[in-house]
Amino acid sequence: MRRSKAAVRLVAEITRLGREGASRREVAAGLGVTLEELAARAREDAGLARALVLAEEAARAWWDGVPREALAAGARINTASWGGAMASRFGEAALPQPAARQTVDIDIPDNGRNRSRFPERRPPRDREEAEHFVGLWELAVENAEEGLEQAKQSLAEFGPPPDDDGGGYLVEDDPGGDDDAIEQETDE
């Protein structure tokens, strides 16, 4: 079947609007019809329906090319606004997806210097915050006591130092400035 000149012009106009990035609603407005009227005509005319599909593809290609063309022209583009327009227009799946990130877990042993476990050292603002701080400190003390017990058990597994006569441990640096080694007695 041969298409009329009006039908050919209509398909050409739909295609032109699509190449400019127009949405289907914009195409309908550009043709002077409602969206519903355009859909009804597309159901009746397979050539018009195909032109609308091709126009949507051309519009998507136009939107996809915006950042590349801006970059080529040396213009700045607000990528957040562009991404919002793409998501609104074509759905979240239309946005470029970041590459899958690879995560690596690194276990760093606690050296006892981690202060992030302890509550803030500022005065509480009210009774509720003071009670909260007490709870945090009690938990911190409980964790410290557990850690101390584990450390004592580990130390006991190693036994006394090889040069120990059973009376204590040697301390190499005297905090008072005396270079002589001193022996500290332990309660055992």
N, C-alpha and C. Protein backbone atom coordinates (compact mmCIF):
# COMPACT_ATOMS: atom_id res chain seq x y z
N MET A 1 0.84 -1.18 0.00
CA MET A 1 0.00 0.00 0.00
C MET A 1 0.88 1.23 0.00
N ARG A 2 0.50 2.15 -0.81
CA ARG A 2 1.26 3.38 -0.94
C ARG A 2 0.80 4.39 0.09
N ARG A 3 1.79 5.07 0.72
CA ARG A 3 1.47 6.04 1.77
C ARG A 3 1.21 7.40 1.15
N SER A 4 0.30 8.15 1.75
CA SER A 4 -0.01 9.50 1.26
C SER A 4 1.13 10.44 1.61
N LYS A 5 1.17 11.57 0.93
CA LYS A 5 2.20 12.57 1.22
C LYS A 5 2.08 13.06 2.66
N ALA A 6 0.86 13.17 3.16
CA ALA A 6 0.63 13.63 4.54
C ALA A 6 1.22 12.61 5.53
N ALA A 7 1.02 11.34 5.25
CA ALA A 7 1.55 10.30 6.13
C ALA A 7 3.08 10.29 6.10
N VAL A 8 3.65 10.50 4.91
CA VAL A 8 5.11 10.55 4.79
C VAL A 8 5.66 11.74 5.55
N ARG A 9 4.97 12.90 5.42
CA ARG A 9 5.41 14.11 6.16
C ARG A 9 5.29 13.88 7.67
N LEU A 10 4.24 13.22 8.10
CA LEU A 10 4.02 12.94 9.53
C LEU A 10 5.15 12.06 10.08
N VAL A 11 5.51 11.02 9.36
CA VAL A 11 6.60 10.13 9.78
C VAL A 11 7.91 10.91 9.83
N ALA A 12 8.15 11.77 8.82
CA ALA A 12 9.38 12.57 8.79
C ALA A 12 9.43 13.53 9.98
N GLU A 13 8.30 14.14 10.33
CA GLU A 13 8.27 15.07 11.47
C GLU A 13 8.49 14.33 12.78
N ILE A 14 7.90 13.16 12.92
CA ILE A 14 8.11 12.34 14.14
C ILE A 14 9.58 11.98 14.27
N THR A 15 10.18 11.57 13.18
CA THR A 15 11.60 11.20 13.18
C THR A 15 12.48 12.40 13.53
N ARG A 16 12.17 13.57 12.96
CA ARG A 16 12.95 14.78 13.25
C ARG A 16 12.88 15.13 14.73
N LEU A 17 11.68 15.09 15.29
CA LEU A 17 11.52 15.42 16.71
C LEU A 17 12.27 14.42 17.59
N GLY A 18 12.22 13.15 17.22
CA GLY A 18 12.97 12.14 17.98
C GLY A 18 14.46 12.40 17.95
N ARG A 19 14.99 12.80 16.78
CA ARG A 19 16.43 13.08 16.67
C ARG A 19 16.84 14.30 17.49
N GLU A 20 15.86 15.14 17.86
CA GLU A 20 16.15 16.29 18.72
C GLU A 20 16.00 15.96 20.20
N GLY A 21 15.70 14.70 20.49
CA GLY A 21 15.58 14.27 21.88
C GLY A 21 14.19 14.42 22.47
N ALA A 22 13.19 14.65 21.63
CA ALA A 22 11.82 14.88 22.12
C ALA A 22 11.21 13.60 22.67
N SER A 23 10.43 13.75 23.73
CA SER A 23 9.68 12.63 24.29
C SER A 23 8.44 12.38 23.44
N ARG A 24 7.75 11.29 23.70
CA ARG A 24 6.53 11.01 22.94
C ARG A 24 5.49 12.11 23.17
N ARG A 25 5.42 12.63 24.38
CA ARG A 25 4.48 13.72 24.68
C ARG A 25 4.86 14.97 23.88
N GLU A 26 6.18 15.24 23.78
CA GLU A 26 6.63 16.38 22.99
C GLU A 26 6.35 16.18 21.51
N VAL A 27 6.48 14.95 21.04
CA VAL A 27 6.17 14.65 19.64
C VAL A 27 4.69 14.93 19.38
N ALA A 28 3.83 14.46 20.29
CA ALA A 28 2.39 14.70 20.13
C ALA A 28 2.10 16.20 20.11
N ALA A 29 2.71 16.93 21.02
CA ALA A 29 2.48 18.39 21.05
C ALA A 29 2.99 19.04 19.78
N GLY A 30 4.14 18.58 19.29
CA GLY A 30 4.69 19.13 18.06
C GLY A 30 3.81 18.87 16.85
N LEU A 31 3.06 17.78 16.89
CA LEU A 31 2.16 17.44 15.79
C LEU A 31 0.79 18.08 15.96
N GLY A 32 0.55 18.68 17.13
CA GLY A 32 -0.73 19.33 17.37
C GLY A 32 -1.83 18.36 17.75
N VAL A 33 -1.47 17.21 18.34
CA VAL A 33 -2.46 16.24 18.78
C VAL A 33 -2.18 15.88 20.24
N THR A 34 -3.14 15.23 20.87
CA THR A 34 -2.92 14.77 22.24
C THR A 34 -2.14 13.47 22.22
N LEU A 35 -1.61 13.09 23.35
CA LEU A 35 -0.88 11.84 23.47
C LEU A 35 -1.80 10.66 23.16
N GLU A 36 -3.04 10.74 23.64
CA GLU A 36 -4.01 9.67 23.39
C GLU A 36 -4.35 9.55 21.90
N GLU A 37 -4.50 10.70 21.24
CA GLU A 37 -4.79 10.68 19.80
C GLU A 37 -3.62 10.07 19.02
N LEU A 38 -2.41 10.41 19.40
CA LEU A 38 -1.24 9.86 18.73
C LEU A 38 -1.18 8.35 18.93
N ALA A 39 -1.48 7.87 20.14
CA ALA A 39 -1.47 6.43 20.42
C ALA A 39 -2.55 5.72 19.61
N ALA A 40 -3.71 6.32 19.49
CA ALA A 40 -4.80 5.71 18.71
C ALA A 40 -4.41 5.60 17.24
N ARG A 41 -3.78 6.66 16.70
CA ARG A 41 -3.36 6.61 15.30
C ARG A 41 -2.27 5.56 15.09
N ALA A 42 -1.37 5.41 16.09
CA ALA A 42 -0.31 4.41 15.98
C ALA A 42 -0.87 3.00 16.00
N ARG A 43 -1.97 2.78 16.73
CA ARG A 43 -2.59 1.45 16.74
C ARG A 43 -3.21 1.11 15.38
N GLU A 44 -3.64 2.15 14.67
CA GLU A 44 -4.28 1.95 13.36
C GLU A 44 -3.27 1.86 12.22
N ASP A 45 -2.10 2.48 12.39
CA ASP A 45 -1.12 2.58 11.30
C ASP A 45 0.23 2.02 11.77
N ALA A 46 0.60 0.86 11.24
CA ALA A 46 1.86 0.20 11.64
C ALA A 46 3.07 1.05 11.28
N GLY A 47 3.01 1.79 10.17
CA GLY A 47 4.13 2.66 9.78
C GLY A 47 4.33 3.78 10.77
N LEU A 48 3.23 4.35 11.26
CA LEU A 48 3.31 5.41 12.27
C LEU A 48 3.84 4.83 13.59
N ALA A 49 3.39 3.64 13.97
CA ALA A 49 3.87 2.99 15.19
C ALA A 49 5.38 2.75 15.12
N ARG A 50 5.84 2.29 13.95
CA ARG A 50 7.28 2.07 13.78
C ARG A 50 8.04 3.38 13.86
N ALA A 51 7.51 4.44 13.27
CA ALA A 51 8.15 5.76 13.32
C ALA A 51 8.27 6.24 14.76
N LEU A 52 7.26 5.96 15.59
CA LEU A 52 7.32 6.36 17.01
C LEU A 52 8.40 5.57 17.75
N VAL A 53 8.52 4.29 17.45
CA VAL A 53 9.57 3.47 18.09
C VAL A 53 10.95 3.98 17.68
N LEU A 54 11.12 4.26 16.39
CA LEU A 54 12.40 4.78 15.91
C LEU A 54 12.69 6.15 16.50
N ALA A 55 11.65 6.97 16.68
CA ALA A 55 11.82 8.30 17.28
C ALA A 55 12.27 8.17 18.73
N GLU A 56 11.71 7.20 19.44
CA GLU A 56 12.13 6.99 20.84
C GLU A 56 13.59 6.56 20.90
N GLU A 57 14.00 5.69 20.00
CA GLU A 57 15.41 5.27 19.95
C GLU A 57 16.31 6.45 19.62
N ALA A 58 15.88 7.28 18.67
CA ALA A 58 16.67 8.46 18.29
C ALA A 58 16.75 9.44 19.45
N ALA A 59 15.65 9.60 20.20
CA ALA A 59 15.65 10.50 21.35
C ALA A 59 16.62 9.99 22.42
N ARG A 60 16.60 8.70 22.66
CA ARG A 60 17.52 8.12 23.65
C ARG A 60 18.97 8.32 23.20
N ALA A 61 19.23 8.14 21.92
CA ALA A 61 20.58 8.35 21.39
C ALA A 61 20.98 9.81 21.56
N TRP A 62 20.04 10.72 21.35
CA TRP A 62 20.34 12.15 21.52
C TRP A 62 20.73 12.43 22.97
N TRP A 63 19.94 11.90 23.91
CA TRP A 63 20.24 12.12 25.33
C TRP A 63 21.55 11.45 25.72
N ASP A 64 21.82 10.27 25.19
CA ASP A 64 23.09 9.60 25.49
C ASP A 64 24.28 10.41 25.00
N GLY A 65 24.10 11.13 23.90
CA GLY A 65 25.20 11.89 23.31
C GLY A 65 25.47 13.24 23.93
N VAL A 66 24.57 13.73 24.79
CA VAL A 66 24.72 15.07 25.36
C VAL A 66 26.07 15.25 26.07
N PRO A 67 26.48 14.36 26.98
CA PRO A 67 27.77 14.57 27.66
C PRO A 67 28.95 14.52 26.69
N ARG A 68 28.91 13.60 25.73
CA ARG A 68 30.01 13.49 24.77
C ARG A 68 30.13 14.75 23.93
N GLU A 69 28.99 15.26 23.46
CA GLU A 69 29.02 16.47 22.65
C GLU A 69 29.48 17.68 23.45
N ALA A 70 29.06 17.76 24.71
CA ALA A 70 29.51 18.86 25.58
C ALA A 70 31.01 18.79 25.78
N LEU A 71 31.52 17.60 26.01
CA LEU A 71 32.96 17.41 26.19
C LEU A 71 33.72 17.81 24.92
N ALA A 72 33.21 17.39 23.77
CA ALA A 72 33.87 17.72 22.50
C ALA A 72 33.86 19.22 22.24
N ALA A 73 32.81 19.90 22.70
CA ALA A 73 32.70 21.35 22.47
C ALA A 73 33.44 22.14 23.54
N GLY A 74 33.96 21.46 24.54
CA GLY A 74 34.66 22.16 25.62
C GLY A 74 33.70 22.82 26.60
N ALA A 75 32.43 22.44 26.57
CA ALA A 75 31.43 23.02 27.47
C ALA A 75 31.34 22.18 28.73
N ARG A 76 30.88 22.82 29.79
CA ARG A 76 30.66 22.11 31.04
C ARG A 76 29.23 21.61 31.07
N ILE A 77 29.03 20.48 31.69
CA ILE A 77 27.69 19.92 31.82
C ILE A 77 27.50 19.49 33.27
N ASN A 78 26.32 19.77 33.78
CA ASN A 78 25.98 19.33 35.12
C ASN A 78 25.52 17.88 35.01
N THR A 79 26.42 16.96 35.31
CA THR A 79 26.11 15.55 35.11
C THR A 79 25.00 15.06 36.04
N ALA A 80 24.87 15.69 37.21
CA ALA A 80 23.78 15.29 38.11
C ALA A 80 22.43 15.65 37.49
N SER A 81 22.33 16.83 36.89
CA SER A 81 21.08 17.21 36.24
C SER A 81 20.82 16.32 35.04
N TRP A 82 21.85 16.05 34.25
CA TRP A 82 21.70 15.17 33.10
C TRP A 82 21.24 13.78 33.55
N GLY A 83 21.89 13.25 34.61
CA GLY A 83 21.52 11.93 35.13
C GLY A 83 20.10 11.91 35.65
N GLY A 84 19.68 13.00 36.31
CA GLY A 84 18.31 13.09 36.80
C GLY A 84 17.31 13.09 35.65
N ALA A 85 17.63 13.83 34.59
CA ALA A 85 16.76 13.87 33.42
C ALA A 85 16.68 12.49 32.76
N MET A 86 17.84 11.81 32.67
CA MET A 86 17.85 10.47 32.08
C MET A 86 17.02 9.49 32.91
N ALA A 87 17.20 9.55 34.22
CA ALA A 87 16.46 8.64 35.10
C ALA A 87 14.96 8.92 35.04
N SER A 88 14.60 10.19 35.01
CA SER A 88 13.20 10.56 34.93
C SER A 88 12.60 10.14 33.60
N ARG A 89 13.35 10.31 32.56
CA ARG A 89 12.86 10.06 31.21
C ARG A 89 12.87 8.59 30.85
N PHE A 90 13.95 7.88 31.16
CA PHE A 90 14.13 6.51 30.69
C PHE A 90 14.19 5.48 31.82
N GLY A 91 14.14 5.92 33.08
CA GLY A 91 14.22 5.00 34.21
C GLY A 91 15.66 4.87 34.70
N GLU A 92 15.80 4.37 35.90
CA GLU A 92 17.13 4.23 36.52
C GLU A 92 18.06 3.35 35.70
N ALA A 93 17.52 2.38 34.99
CA ALA A 93 18.37 1.46 34.22
C ALA A 93 19.08 2.19 33.08
N ALA A 94 18.60 3.38 32.72
CA ALA A 94 19.21 4.13 31.62
C ALA A 94 20.53 4.76 32.03
N LEU A 95 20.74 4.93 33.32
CA LEU A 95 21.96 5.58 33.79
C LEU A 95 23.15 4.65 33.65
N PRO A 96 24.31 5.21 33.34
CA PRO A 96 25.50 4.37 33.29
C PRO A 96 25.74 3.74 34.67
N GLN A 97 25.94 2.45 34.70
CA GLN A 97 26.14 1.75 35.97
C GLN A 97 27.62 1.68 36.28
N PRO A 98 28.00 2.03 37.52
CA PRO A 98 29.42 1.93 37.88
C PRO A 98 29.86 0.48 37.88
N ALA A 99 31.13 0.29 37.63
CA ALA A 99 31.69 -1.05 37.66
C ALA A 99 31.54 -1.62 39.07
N ALA A 100 31.39 -2.90 39.15
CA ALA A 100 31.24 -3.53 40.46
C ALA A 100 32.51 -3.30 41.26
N ARG A 101 32.32 -2.85 42.48
CA ARG A 101 33.48 -2.60 43.33
C ARG A 101 33.88 -3.87 44.04
N GLN A 102 35.16 -4.07 44.10
CA GLN A 102 35.68 -5.22 44.80
C GLN A 102 36.04 -4.76 46.21
N THR A 103 35.56 -5.47 47.19
CA THR A 103 35.87 -5.10 48.57
C THR A 103 36.85 -6.10 49.15
N VAL A 104 37.70 -5.58 49.99
CA VAL A 104 38.70 -6.40 50.66
C VAL A 104 38.59 -6.11 52.15
N ASP A 105 38.44 -7.15 52.94
CA ASP A 105 38.41 -7.00 54.39
C ASP A 105 39.81 -7.18 54.92
N ILE A 106 40.26 -6.22 55.71
CA ILE A 106 41.57 -6.30 56.32
C ILE A 106 41.37 -6.32 57.83
N ASP A 107 41.86 -7.35 58.46
CA ASP A 107 41.73 -7.48 59.90
C ASP A 107 42.96 -6.87 60.55
N ILE A 108 42.76 -5.74 61.21
CA ILE A 108 43.86 -5.08 61.90
C ILE A 108 43.69 -5.34 63.39
N PRO A 109 44.65 -6.01 64.01
CA PRO A 109 44.49 -6.33 65.42
C PRO A 109 44.46 -5.07 66.28
N ASP A 110 43.71 -5.15 67.37
CA ASP A 110 43.60 -4.04 68.29
C ASP A 110 44.88 -3.93 69.10
N ASN A 111 45.49 -2.76 69.06
CA ASN A 111 46.72 -2.56 69.82
C ASN A 111 46.46 -1.87 71.16
N GLY A 112 45.20 -1.74 71.51
CA GLY A 112 44.86 -1.12 72.79
C GLY A 112 44.80 0.39 72.74
N ARG A 113 45.08 0.99 71.60
CA ARG A 113 45.09 2.45 71.50
C ARG A 113 43.82 3.01 70.88
N ASN A 114 42.91 2.15 70.52
CA ASN A 114 41.70 2.58 69.83
C ASN A 114 40.78 3.31 70.80
N ARG A 115 40.66 4.60 70.67
CA ARG A 115 39.83 5.40 71.57
C ARG A 115 38.39 5.49 71.07
N SER A 116 38.11 5.04 69.83
CA SER A 116 36.77 5.18 69.30
C SER A 116 35.76 4.32 70.05
N ARG A 117 36.25 3.33 70.83
CA ARG A 117 35.34 2.49 71.61
C ARG A 117 34.81 3.23 72.83
N PHE A 118 35.48 4.27 73.24
CA PHE A 118 35.13 4.93 74.48
C PHE A 118 34.22 6.12 74.22
N PRO A 119 33.36 6.43 75.18
CA PRO A 119 32.47 7.57 75.00
C PRO A 119 33.26 8.89 74.98
N GLU A 120 32.57 9.90 74.54
CA GLU A 120 33.21 11.22 74.50
C GLU A 120 33.62 11.63 75.90
N ARG A 121 34.62 12.47 75.98
CA ARG A 121 35.15 12.88 77.29
C ARG A 121 34.64 14.25 77.68
N ARG A 122 33.59 14.69 77.06
CA ARG A 122 32.99 15.98 77.42
C ARG A 122 31.90 15.74 78.48
N PRO A 123 31.53 16.76 79.24
CA PRO A 123 30.48 16.57 80.24
C PRO A 123 29.13 16.32 79.56
N PRO A 124 28.31 15.45 80.15
CA PRO A 124 26.99 15.20 79.57
C PRO A 124 26.09 16.44 79.67
N ARG A 125 25.15 16.56 78.73
CA ARG A 125 24.26 17.72 78.72
C ARG A 125 23.07 17.56 79.65
N ASP A 126 22.67 16.31 79.90
CA ASP A 126 21.51 16.07 80.76
C ASP A 126 21.63 14.68 81.39
N ARG A 127 20.67 14.35 82.25
CA ARG A 127 20.72 13.08 82.97
C ARG A 127 20.68 11.88 82.01
N GLU A 128 19.86 11.96 80.99
CA GLU A 128 19.75 10.85 80.04
C GLU A 128 21.09 10.59 79.35
N GLU A 129 21.76 11.66 78.96
CA GLU A 129 23.06 11.49 78.32
C GLU A 129 24.09 10.98 79.32
N ALA A 130 24.00 11.42 80.58
CA ALA A 130 24.91 10.94 81.60
C ALA A 130 24.73 9.43 81.82
N GLU A 131 23.46 8.97 81.85
CA GLU A 131 23.20 7.54 82.00
C GLU A 131 23.73 6.77 80.79
N HIS A 132 23.59 7.37 79.62
CA HIS A 132 24.12 6.74 78.41
C HIS A 132 25.64 6.61 78.49
N PHE A 133 26.32 7.66 78.95
CA PHE A 133 27.77 7.64 79.09
C PHE A 133 28.20 6.57 80.10
N VAL A 134 27.46 6.46 81.21
CA VAL A 134 27.79 5.44 82.22
C VAL A 134 27.71 4.05 81.58
N GLY A 135 26.65 3.82 80.79
CA GLY A 135 26.51 2.53 80.12
C GLY A 135 27.67 2.27 79.17
N LEU A 136 28.07 3.29 78.42
CA LEU A 136 29.19 3.12 77.49
C LEU A 136 30.49 2.82 78.23
N TRP A 137 30.72 3.54 79.33
CA TRP A 137 31.95 3.31 80.10
C TRP A 137 31.93 1.92 80.74
N GLU A 138 30.75 1.49 81.23
CA GLU A 138 30.68 0.15 81.82
C GLU A 138 31.00 -0.91 80.76
N LEU A 139 30.49 -0.73 79.56
CA LEU A 139 30.78 -1.65 78.47
C LEU A 139 32.27 -1.61 78.11
N ALA A 140 32.85 -0.41 78.09
CA ALA A 140 34.27 -0.29 77.77
C ALA A 140 35.12 -0.99 78.83
N VAL A 141 34.75 -0.83 80.10
CA VAL A 141 35.49 -1.48 81.19
C VAL A 141 35.34 -3.00 81.09
N GLU A 142 34.11 -3.46 80.79
CA GLU A 142 33.87 -4.89 80.64
C GLU A 142 34.73 -5.46 79.51
N ASN A 143 34.77 -4.76 78.38
CA ASN A 143 35.59 -5.21 77.25
C ASN A 143 37.07 -5.20 77.62
N ALA A 144 37.49 -4.17 78.36
CA ALA A 144 38.89 -4.09 78.77
C ALA A 144 39.25 -5.22 79.71
N GLU A 145 38.33 -5.55 80.64
CA GLU A 145 38.58 -6.64 81.57
C GLU A 145 38.68 -7.97 80.83
N GLU A 146 37.80 -8.18 79.84
CA GLU A 146 37.87 -9.41 79.04
C GLU A 146 39.20 -9.48 78.29
N GLY A 147 39.62 -8.35 77.73
CA GLY A 147 40.89 -8.30 77.01
C GLY A 147 42.06 -8.58 77.93
N LEU A 148 42.00 -8.04 79.14
CA LEU A 148 43.07 -8.27 80.11
C LEU A 148 43.14 -9.75 80.49
N GLU A 149 41.99 -10.37 80.70
CA GLU A 149 41.97 -11.80 81.04
C GLU A 149 42.56 -12.63 79.90
N GLN A 150 42.20 -12.30 78.67
CA GLN A 150 42.74 -13.03 77.53
C GLN A 150 44.25 -12.85 77.44
N ALA A 151 44.72 -11.64 77.69
CA ALA A 151 46.16 -11.38 77.63
C ALA A 151 46.89 -12.16 78.73
N LYS A 152 46.31 -12.22 79.93
CA LYS A 152 46.92 -12.97 81.03
C LYS A 152 46.98 -14.46 80.70
N GLN A 153 45.90 -14.99 80.08
CA GLN A 153 45.89 -16.39 79.71
C GLN A 153 46.96 -16.67 78.66
N SER A 154 47.07 -15.79 77.70
CA SER A 154 48.10 -15.96 76.66
C SER A 154 49.49 -15.93 77.27
N LEU A 155 49.70 -15.03 78.21
CA LEU A 155 51.01 -14.90 78.86
C LEU A 155 51.32 -16.17 79.66
N ALA A 156 50.31 -16.71 80.35
CA ALA A 156 50.52 -17.91 81.15
C ALA A 156 50.89 -19.11 80.28
N GLU A 157 50.35 -19.13 79.06
CA GLU A 157 50.66 -20.24 78.16
C GLU A 157 52.14 -20.24 77.75
N PHE A 158 52.76 -19.07 77.74
CA PHE A 158 54.16 -18.99 77.37
C PHE A 158 55.09 -19.35 78.53
N GLY A 159 54.58 -19.31 79.74
CA GLY A 159 55.40 -19.62 80.91
C GLY A 159 56.29 -18.45 81.28
N PRO A 160 57.16 -18.64 82.28
CA PRO A 160 58.03 -17.54 82.70
C PRO A 160 59.11 -17.26 81.66
N PRO A 161 59.65 -16.04 81.68
CA PRO A 161 60.75 -15.71 80.76
C PRO A 161 61.94 -16.62 81.03
N PRO A 162 62.76 -16.91 80.00
CA PRO A 162 63.89 -17.85 80.16
C PRO A 162 64.89 -17.41 81.22
N ASP A 163 65.13 -16.10 81.39
CA ASP A 163 66.13 -15.65 82.35
C ASP A 163 65.51 -15.26 83.69
N ASP A 164 64.30 -15.73 83.93
CA ASP A 164 63.58 -15.34 85.14
C ASP A 164 63.91 -16.29 86.28
N ASP A 165 64.16 -15.73 87.43
CA ASP A 165 64.41 -16.56 88.61
C ASP A 165 63.14 -16.76 89.42
N GLY A 166 62.00 -16.35 88.83
CA GLY A 166 60.73 -16.51 89.51
C GLY A 166 60.34 -15.31 90.33
N GLY A 167 61.19 -14.31 90.45
CA GLY A 167 60.90 -13.17 91.30
C GLY A 167 60.27 -11.99 90.60
N GLY A 168 60.22 -11.96 89.30
CA GLY A 168 59.61 -10.81 88.62
C GLY A 168 60.14 -10.66 87.21
N TYR A 169 59.85 -9.53 86.63
CA TYR A 169 60.25 -9.25 85.26
C TYR A 169 61.23 -8.09 85.25
N LEU A 170 62.19 -8.14 84.37
CA LEU A 170 63.15 -7.06 84.25
C LEU A 170 62.56 -5.94 83.41
N VAL A 171 62.80 -4.70 83.86
CA VAL A 171 62.36 -3.53 83.11
C VAL A 171 63.62 -2.85 82.62
N GLU A 172 63.74 -2.67 81.31
CA GLU A 172 64.96 -2.15 80.72
C GLU A 172 65.14 -0.65 80.94
N ASP A 173 64.07 0.13 80.80
CA ASP A 173 64.20 1.59 80.93
C ASP A 173 63.61 2.05 82.24
N ASP A 174 64.40 2.76 83.01
CA ASP A 174 63.94 3.30 84.29
C ASP A 174 63.24 4.62 84.03
N PRO A 175 61.94 4.74 84.40
CA PRO A 175 61.24 5.99 84.15
C PRO A 175 61.84 7.17 84.91
N GLY A 176 62.61 6.90 85.97
CA GLY A 176 63.20 7.99 86.74
C GLY A 176 64.48 8.51 86.12
N GLY A 177 64.95 7.91 85.06
CA GLY A 177 66.14 8.40 84.39
C GLY A 177 67.37 7.59 84.72
N ASP A 178 67.30 6.68 85.72
CA ASP A 178 68.44 5.86 86.09
C ASP A 178 68.58 4.75 85.05
N ASP A 179 69.78 4.61 84.49
CA ASP A 179 70.00 3.63 83.43
C ASP A 179 70.14 2.20 83.95
N ASP A 180 70.24 2.02 85.26
CA ASP A 180 70.35 0.68 85.80
C ASP A 180 69.01 -0.03 85.69
N ALA A 181 69.05 -1.30 85.33
CA ALA A 181 67.82 -2.08 85.25
C ALA A 181 67.33 -2.34 86.66
N ILE A 182 66.01 -2.30 86.85
CA ILE A 182 65.44 -2.58 88.16
C ILE A 182 64.53 -3.79 88.04
N GLU A 183 64.36 -4.47 89.13
CA GLU A 183 63.51 -5.64 89.13
C GLU A 183 62.25 -5.30 89.89
N GLN A 184 61.08 -5.63 89.28
CA GLN A 184 59.81 -5.35 89.91
C GLN A 184 59.23 -6.66 90.40
N GLU A 185 58.76 -6.67 91.61
CA GLU A 185 58.19 -7.86 92.19
C GLU A 185 56.74 -8.01 91.69
N THR A 186 56.32 -9.26 91.49
CA THR A 186 54.95 -9.52 91.07
C THR A 186 54.26 -10.30 92.16
N ASP A 187 52.94 -10.19 92.21
CA ASP A 187 52.14 -10.93 93.18
C ASP A 187 51.72 -12.27 92.56
N GLU A 188 52.44 -13.34 92.86
CA GLU A 188 52.07 -14.65 92.33
C GLU A 188 52.24 -15.68 93.38
